[in-house]
Protein backbone atom coordinates (compact mmCIF):
# COMPACT_ATOMS: atom_id res chain seq x y z
CA MET A 1 34.97 -12.27 74.30
CA ALA A 2 35.22 -15.16 71.92
CA ARG A 3 33.44 -13.98 68.87
CA LEU A 4 32.86 -10.23 69.55
CA ALA A 5 35.45 -7.47 67.68
CA GLN A 6 37.76 -10.14 65.78
CA THR A 7 40.74 -8.57 63.91
CA PRO A 8 41.48 -10.36 61.16
CA GLY A 9 45.36 -10.27 59.51
CA LEU A 10 47.27 -10.06 62.92
CA THR A 11 50.70 -11.19 63.38
CA ASP A 12 51.85 -13.67 66.01
CA VAL A 13 53.37 -10.65 68.17
CA GLN A 14 50.51 -8.76 67.92
CA GLN A 15 48.03 -11.81 68.83
CA SER A 16 50.37 -12.59 71.51
CA ILE A 17 50.27 -9.23 73.08
CA LEU A 18 46.80 -8.94 72.99
CA GLU A 19 46.26 -12.04 74.72
CA THR A 20 48.61 -11.05 77.30
CA VAL A 21 47.11 -7.49 77.81
CA ARG A 22 43.44 -9.23 77.96
CA ASP A 23 44.67 -11.55 80.65
CA PHE A 24 46.16 -8.45 82.45
CA ALA A 25 42.71 -6.77 82.47
CA ASP A 26 40.92 -9.73 83.29
CA LYS A 27 42.98 -10.49 86.45
CA GLU A 28 44.90 -7.08 87.27
CA ILE A 29 42.02 -4.42 86.28
CA ILE A 30 38.42 -5.74 86.38
CA PRO A 31 38.64 -6.92 89.93
CA HIS A 32 39.69 -3.67 91.50
CA ALA A 33 38.40 -1.18 89.23
CA GLN A 34 34.97 -0.53 91.14
CA ARG A 35 36.99 -0.01 94.24
CA LEU A 36 39.25 2.18 92.80
CA GLU A 37 36.92 4.13 90.55
CA HIS A 38 34.59 4.65 93.79
CA ALA A 39 37.67 6.15 95.81
CA ASP A 40 38.83 8.06 92.79
CA GLU A 41 42.21 6.39 93.64
CA TYR A 42 44.97 6.50 91.51
CA PRO A 43 45.93 2.83 90.32
CA THR A 44 49.65 2.64 90.97
CA ASP A 45 49.61 -1.01 91.21
CA ILE A 46 47.99 -1.64 87.79
CA LEU A 47 50.25 0.88 86.70
CA ASP A 48 53.48 -0.92 87.57
CA GLY A 49 52.26 -3.98 86.05
CA MET A 50 51.98 -2.16 82.84
CA ARG A 51 55.26 -0.96 82.87
CA GLU A 52 56.72 -4.29 83.52
CA MET A 53 54.90 -5.42 80.54
CA GLY A 54 56.76 -2.33 78.48
CA LEU A 55 53.00 -1.12 77.64
CA PHE A 56 54.40 2.35 77.90
CA GLY A 57 56.81 1.85 75.24
CA LEU A 58 54.55 0.12 72.75
CA THR A 59 54.61 2.13 69.86
CA ILE A 60 57.92 3.85 70.31
CA ASP A 61 60.86 2.38 68.22
CA GLU A 62 62.88 -0.30 69.35
CA GLU A 63 66.42 2.09 68.98
CA TYR A 64 65.00 3.83 71.94
CA GLY A 65 63.79 0.78 74.19
CA GLY A 66 60.09 0.38 72.87
CA LEU A 67 58.36 -2.31 71.21
CA GLY A 68 58.30 -0.31 67.92
CA GLU A 69 54.54 -1.47 67.33
CA SER A 70 51.88 -0.18 64.97
CA LEU A 71 48.93 2.53 65.64
CA LEU A 72 46.39 -0.94 65.01
CA THR A 73 48.07 -2.89 68.17
CA TYR A 74 47.88 0.41 69.81
CA ALA A 75 44.39 0.98 69.24
CA LEU A 76 43.74 -2.79 70.32
CA VAL A 77 45.40 -2.71 73.38
CA VAL A 78 43.79 0.31 74.45
CA GLU A 79 40.38 -1.49 73.54
CA GLN A 80 41.25 -4.32 75.88
CA LEU A 81 42.48 -1.82 78.62
CA SER A 82 39.04 -0.02 78.49
CA ARG A 83 37.11 -3.20 78.51
CA GLY A 84 38.85 -3.12 81.81
CA TRP A 85 38.61 0.30 83.26
CA MET A 86 38.34 3.58 80.72
CA SER A 87 40.78 5.44 83.16
CA ILE A 88 43.58 2.79 82.79
CA SER A 89 43.09 3.91 78.75
CA GLY A 90 43.30 7.22 79.75
CA ILE A 91 46.78 7.18 81.23
CA VAL A 92 48.51 5.54 78.55
CA ASN A 93 46.45 7.85 75.83
CA THR A 94 47.91 11.08 76.32
CA HIS A 95 51.76 9.21 76.90
CA PHE A 96 51.01 7.67 73.48
CA ILE A 97 50.52 10.87 71.80
CA VAL A 98 53.32 12.82 73.01
CA ALA A 99 55.50 9.72 72.42
CA TYR A 100 54.30 9.84 68.62
CA LEU A 101 54.63 13.41 68.48
CA ILE A 102 58.23 13.39 69.63
CA SER A 103 58.72 10.18 67.34
CA GLN A 104 57.21 11.91 64.23
CA HIS A 105 58.09 15.53 64.64
CA GLY A 106 61.10 15.82 67.29
CA SER A 107 64.37 16.69 67.00
CA ALA A 108 67.25 14.28 67.41
CA GLU A 109 68.13 15.52 70.70
CA GLN A 110 64.39 15.50 71.67
CA LYS A 111 64.13 11.71 70.69
CA ALA A 112 67.36 10.80 72.21
CA HIS A 113 66.25 12.60 75.42
CA LEU A 114 62.58 11.68 75.76
CA LEU A 115 61.64 8.73 74.10
CA PRO A 116 63.70 6.11 76.50
CA LYS A 117 62.52 7.31 79.55
CA MET A 118 59.03 7.24 78.03
CA ALA A 119 59.51 3.70 76.85
CA THR A 120 60.14 2.47 79.95
CA GLY A 121 57.11 4.79 81.88
CA GLU A 122 59.94 6.64 84.03
CA VAL A 123 58.73 9.66 82.18
CA ARG A 124 55.09 10.20 81.21
CA GLY A 125 53.55 12.39 78.67
CA ALA A 126 50.49 14.97 78.77
CA PHE A 127 48.86 16.79 76.28
CA SER A 128 47.68 20.44 76.22
CA MET A 129 45.61 22.06 73.75
CA SER A 130 42.19 23.04 75.43
CA GLU A 131 42.08 26.32 77.62
CA PRO A 132 39.15 27.77 79.75
CA GLY A 133 37.61 29.44 76.95
CA CYS A 134 38.08 27.41 73.84
CA GLY A 135 38.08 23.74 73.06
CA SER A 136 37.42 22.64 69.71
CA ASP A 137 38.06 26.36 68.37
CA VAL A 138 41.47 26.12 68.52
CA ALA A 139 42.13 29.24 66.87
CA ALA A 140 40.78 31.29 70.25
CA ILE A 141 43.90 29.60 72.07
CA GLY A 142 45.09 32.87 74.34
CA SER A 143 47.93 31.54 75.47
CA ARG A 144 51.41 33.11 74.19
CA ALA A 145 55.11 32.25 74.19
CA VAL A 146 56.95 35.73 73.41
CA ARG A 147 60.87 35.55 72.45
CA GLU A 148 62.98 37.26 74.86
CA GLY A 149 66.61 37.30 73.32
CA ASP A 150 67.53 33.30 72.67
CA ARG A 151 64.34 32.10 75.02
CA TYR A 152 60.52 31.89 75.10
CA VAL A 153 58.57 32.98 77.95
CA LEU A 154 55.13 31.37 78.22
CA ASN A 155 51.99 32.71 80.09
CA GLY A 156 48.40 31.76 80.03
CA GLN A 157 46.22 28.72 81.44
CA LYS A 158 45.35 25.37 79.87
CA MET A 159 42.52 23.08 80.59
CA TRP A 160 41.64 19.43 80.78
CA LEU A 161 44.95 17.73 80.88
CA THR A 162 44.65 14.32 81.49
CA ASN A 163 47.96 13.08 83.27
CA GLY A 164 48.55 16.61 84.09
CA ALA A 165 49.83 15.74 87.71
CA TYR A 166 51.49 12.54 86.98
CA SER A 167 53.40 13.55 83.62
CA SER A 168 56.83 14.93 83.16
CA VAL A 169 56.38 16.26 79.91
CA VAL A 170 53.46 18.37 78.60
CA ALA A 171 53.28 18.78 74.63
CA THR A 172 51.34 22.41 74.92
CA LEU A 173 49.86 24.39 72.22
CA VAL A 174 50.39 28.19 72.31
CA LYS A 175 50.61 31.40 70.10
CA THR A 176 53.73 32.47 68.71
CA ASP A 177 54.03 35.74 66.77
CA THR A 178 55.47 34.35 63.56
CA GLY A 179 53.67 36.87 61.04
CA ALA A 180 52.28 34.12 59.29
CA GLU A 181 48.96 35.34 57.72
CA SER A 182 46.60 32.29 58.85
CA VAL A 183 46.07 32.14 62.86
CA TYR A 184 47.24 28.55 62.35
CA GLY A 185 50.60 29.28 61.43
CA ASN A 186 51.27 31.34 64.45
CA MET A 187 51.09 28.61 66.83
CA SER A 188 54.18 26.74 68.29
CA THR A 189 54.32 23.33 70.09
CA PHE A 190 56.42 23.29 73.20
CA LEU A 191 57.81 20.27 75.22
CA LEU A 192 57.22 21.60 78.79
CA GLU A 193 59.55 19.57 81.31
CA LYS A 194 58.22 19.47 84.79
CA GLU A 195 58.32 17.28 88.27
CA PRO A 196 55.48 15.37 88.75
CA GLY A 197 53.21 16.31 91.25
CA PHE A 198 50.67 19.19 92.12
CA GLY A 199 51.61 22.82 93.00
CA GLU A 200 54.66 24.63 91.38
CA THR A 201 56.09 21.50 89.30
CA ALA A 202 58.59 23.79 87.26
CA PRO A 203 59.58 27.49 87.74
CA GLY A 204 56.23 29.62 86.66
CA LEU A 205 54.52 26.17 85.58
CA THR A 206 51.53 25.07 88.21
CA ILE A 207 49.29 22.45 88.61
CA PRO A 208 46.46 23.51 90.49
CA GLY A 209 44.91 20.09 91.69
CA LYS A 210 42.42 17.68 90.32
CA ILE A 211 39.07 18.76 88.60
CA GLU A 212 36.16 16.81 90.24
CA LYS A 213 34.34 14.56 87.40
CA MET A 214 31.20 12.60 87.22
CA GLY A 215 33.05 9.68 85.86
CA TYR A 216 36.55 9.02 84.35
CA LYS A 217 37.97 8.71 87.97
CA GLY A 218 41.23 7.42 89.34
CA VAL A 219 43.27 9.50 86.36
CA GLU A 220 43.74 13.19 87.24
CA THR A 221 42.42 16.00 85.12
CA THR A 222 43.85 19.13 85.66
CA GLU A 223 44.11 22.72 84.77
CA MET A 224 48.01 24.03 84.14
CA VAL A 225 48.94 28.09 84.81
CA LEU A 226 51.71 29.31 82.71
CA ASP A 227 53.26 32.42 84.78
CA GLY A 228 56.36 33.54 82.99
CA VAL A 229 57.94 30.04 81.97
CA THR A 230 60.87 30.30 80.43
CA VAL A 231 62.37 27.61 77.87
CA PRO A 232 65.12 27.91 75.23
CA ASP A 233 64.47 27.12 71.68
CA SER A 234 65.31 23.48 71.96
CA ALA A 235 61.86 23.06 73.80
CA ILE A 236 60.07 24.01 70.61
CA LEU A 237 58.70 20.41 69.08
CA GLY A 238 61.20 19.73 66.28
CA GLY A 239 63.46 22.42 67.10
CA ALA A 240 63.70 26.36 66.47
CA ASP A 241 62.98 25.96 62.69
CA GLN A 242 59.50 24.37 63.53
CA VAL A 243 58.27 27.53 65.32
CA GLY A 244 54.56 28.07 63.60
CA ARG A 245 53.98 24.45 63.16
CA GLY A 246 52.29 23.66 66.05
CA PHE A 247 48.97 23.51 65.18
CA TYR A 248 50.08 20.98 62.31
CA GLN A 249 51.88 18.69 64.43
CA MET A 250 48.93 18.87 67.15
CA MET A 251 46.44 18.06 64.17
CA ASP A 252 48.52 14.54 63.33
CA GLY A 253 48.57 13.69 67.00
CA ILE A 254 45.01 14.20 67.05
CA GLU A 255 44.18 11.55 64.28
CA VAL A 256 46.17 9.24 66.44
CA GLY A 257 44.09 10.50 69.72
CA ARG A 258 40.86 9.87 67.98
CA VAL A 259 41.57 6.50 66.51
CA ASN A 260 42.19 5.59 70.71
CA VAL A 261 38.98 7.52 71.77
CA ALA A 262 36.99 4.83 69.34
CA ALA A 263 38.84 2.22 70.70
CA ARG A 264 38.06 3.16 74.01
CA ALA A 265 34.56 3.18 72.91
CA CYS A 266 34.77 -0.08 71.51
CA GLY A 267 36.22 -1.70 74.95
CA ILE A 268 33.29 -0.13 77.01
CA SER A 269 31.02 -1.16 74.51
CA ILE A 270 32.53 -4.66 74.92
CA ARG A 271 32.45 -4.85 78.60
CA ALA A 272 28.59 -3.67 78.93
CA PHE A 273 28.09 -6.30 76.36
CA GLU A 274 29.96 -8.68 78.62
CA LEU A 275 27.85 -7.62 81.37
CA ALA A 276 24.38 -7.58 79.71
CA VAL A 277 24.45 -11.33 78.41
CA SER A 278 26.05 -12.33 81.72
CA TYR A 279 23.04 -11.02 83.44
CA ALA A 280 20.48 -11.50 80.88
CA GLN A 281 21.27 -15.29 81.20
CA GLN A 282 21.02 -15.91 84.94
CA ARG A 283 18.39 -13.43 85.68
CA LYS A 284 15.10 -15.03 85.16
CA THR A 285 11.38 -13.34 84.89
CA PHE A 286 8.05 -14.83 84.05
CA GLY A 287 9.79 -18.13 84.49
CA GLN A 288 12.47 -18.19 82.06
CA PRO A 289 15.76 -16.23 81.84
CA LEU A 290 15.76 -12.54 80.31
CA ALA A 291 17.89 -13.87 77.48
CA LYS A 292 15.08 -16.02 76.18
CA HIS A 293 12.49 -12.63 76.05
CA GLN A 294 12.31 -11.71 72.47
CA ALA A 295 13.03 -8.04 73.55
CA ILE A 296 16.01 -8.58 75.46
CA ALA A 297 17.31 -11.11 72.72
CA PHE A 298 16.82 -8.48 69.66
CA LYS A 299 18.61 -5.63 72.19
CA LEU A 300 21.86 -8.21 72.58
CA ALA A 301 21.85 -8.59 68.75
CA GLU A 302 21.90 -4.77 67.95
CA MET A 303 23.99 -4.33 70.66
CA GLY A 304 26.40 -6.74 69.17
CA THR A 305 26.17 -5.51 65.59
CA LYS A 306 26.67 -1.66 66.67
CA ILE A 307 30.29 -3.33 68.38
CA GLU A 308 31.19 -4.68 65.20
CA ALA A 309 30.61 -1.97 62.86
CA ALA A 310 32.61 0.49 65.50
CA HIS A 311 35.60 -2.03 65.71
CA ALA A 312 35.65 -2.27 62.12
CA LEU A 313 35.51 1.70 61.39
CA MET A 314 38.46 1.78 64.20
CA VAL A 315 40.51 -0.77 62.85
CA ASN A 316 40.27 0.62 59.11
CA ALA A 317 41.46 4.20 60.63
CA ALA A 318 44.26 2.89 62.44
CA ARG A 319 45.58 0.69 59.48
CA LEU A 320 45.19 3.77 57.67
CA LYS A 321 47.48 5.95 59.64
CA ASP A 322 49.86 2.94 59.70
CA ALA A 323 49.94 2.94 55.77
CA GLY A 324 51.46 6.43 55.91
CA GLN A 325 48.03 7.64 54.33
CA ARG A 326 45.90 10.74 55.77
CA ASN A 327 43.13 9.58 58.00
CA ASP A 328 41.28 12.42 59.68
CA VAL A 329 37.82 11.71 57.66
CA GLU A 330 37.92 7.92 58.83
CA ALA A 331 39.44 8.75 62.14
CA GLY A 332 36.48 11.01 62.58
CA MET A 333 34.15 8.61 61.38
CA ALA A 334 35.77 6.02 63.69
CA LYS A 335 35.56 8.25 66.73
CA LEU A 336 31.73 9.46 65.80
CA LEU A 337 30.35 6.30 65.49
CA ALA A 338 32.04 4.20 68.18
CA SER A 339 31.46 6.98 70.93
CA GLU A 340 27.73 7.30 69.86
CA TYR A 341 27.02 3.75 69.89
CA CYS A 342 29.21 3.20 73.14
CA ALA A 343 26.45 5.79 74.67
CA GLU A 344 23.90 3.35 73.57
CA VAL A 345 24.95 -0.01 74.03
CA VAL A 346 25.79 0.98 77.44
CA GLN A 347 22.21 2.38 78.14
CA GLU A 348 20.67 -0.89 76.99
CA ALA A 349 22.86 -2.78 78.87
CA PHE A 350 21.85 -0.78 81.65
CA ARG A 351 18.10 -1.39 80.89
CA ILE A 352 18.56 -4.67 80.69
CA HIS A 353 19.87 -4.86 84.50
CA GLY A 354 16.70 -3.21 85.51
CA GLY A 355 16.56 -1.49 88.78
CA TYR A 356 19.99 -3.44 89.92
CA GLY A 357 21.74 -1.30 87.37
CA TYR A 358 21.21 1.86 89.59
CA SER A 359 23.09 0.19 92.55
CA LYS A 360 26.70 1.14 92.76
CA GLU A 361 27.34 -2.29 93.33
CA TYR A 362 26.96 -3.31 89.60
CA GLU A 363 29.89 -2.08 87.41
CA ILE A 364 27.39 -0.91 84.66
CA GLU A 365 26.36 1.82 87.12
CA ARG A 366 30.04 2.72 86.54
CA LEU A 367 30.10 2.48 82.81
CA MET A 368 26.94 4.84 82.57
CA ARG A 369 29.11 7.34 83.97
CA GLU A 370 31.97 7.07 81.95
CA ALA A 371 30.28 6.47 78.54
CA PRO A 372 29.54 10.45 77.96
CA PHE A 373 33.04 11.61 78.38
CA LEU A 374 33.87 9.84 74.94
CA LEU A 375 30.82 11.69 73.26
CA ILE A 376 32.81 15.02 73.87
CA GLY A 377 36.50 13.73 74.43
CA GLU A 378 39.10 14.55 71.57
CA GLY A 379 36.26 16.64 69.61
CA THR A 380 32.63 16.40 69.91
CA SER A 381 30.34 14.49 67.42
CA GLU A 382 29.39 17.72 66.14
CA ILE A 383 33.03 18.63 65.23
CA GLN A 384 33.73 15.12 64.09
CA LYS A 385 30.30 15.62 61.36
CA THR A 386 31.93 18.79 60.47
CA ILE A 387 35.55 17.08 59.94
CA ILE A 388 33.86 14.44 57.89
CA SER A 389 31.78 16.68 55.64
CA ARG A 390 34.32 18.86 54.70
CA GLY A 391 36.68 15.90 53.91
CA LEU A 392 33.98 14.11 51.82
CA LEU A 393 33.11 17.57 50.15
CA LYS A 394 36.61 17.86 48.95
CA GLU A 395 36.74 14.25 47.54
CA TYR A 396 33.50 14.76 45.73
CA LYS A 397 34.11 18.26 44.79
CA LEU A 398 32.09 19.19 41.41
């Protein structure tokens, strides 16, 4: 894409990283995505290539073996990976969130123990908040950690873990009775280490199996059952003195995650636009290419404009976070607009393909099944509107 979704002000290093990732997506992801997605096959070879490029350590500090890049670089990389296949970006997303949480809130021991292995991709991270009975209503979490002597015992059931099986560390939010007045002060984040795979992957910790999904295939989404999982104080993110801080730590990570979802939506939108433009210029009706018909040309104009708007909001949210500023409103805006526009752009690309778009032979069919996930992942559009309105009302309080 020579023109759409350009980002001014990037360094030479950032430009080089993005060119490398885009080339990787063109050569190693797009040609294989259809086959892997239809087979629901884990993309081992693609991930090996990403490990060789150092992408799992993209945002991890250089002292721990990472590249030390910004959230903006991460978001732009995710945009390109999603342009190739959204499932690939899903595999790195929760990994990046957990690495960010450890980098920002972890103890010195946790950083030294986990970050070097996460930077190489030897250890991959998963992120767990949701449960069968709650999603965005975090206060309704039922999983608990109870102190017994110098250790904690965890019980409960978690839901919707991307990388649930292939991860080795899961950042897990549970209730802890700290005596705080607010329910949010009675939550803690634990770093639960386990073996990759399904079944009982650590004493008392079970990953039952994959959840079957309409799209977002290849990457596994799982449940996690905690039945008497026993861990020391050192498993609390940041150490024992951070008990009761889990909700606030997780919300910091969610801001990163919402930028990521916005970037994924931009990537899918760009790919849908590429497919639509290519098809519209090759397919002829009534003696001329589809792109020559004003109705189709106007669709393409609107699609491109939506992509530019979503990309600009995503970049702004990432740059605010990189500057150390709170970006919950901006991240919510970026996630809201990018995911809604993604659904619209993909559907327009589908319509341009006509009957062929309904065939599994064409890539747009896969995008039609992937785009809806972004409307609910990391909080629905309605949740984003709640966050945005609350933030704006605080700023414009009379």
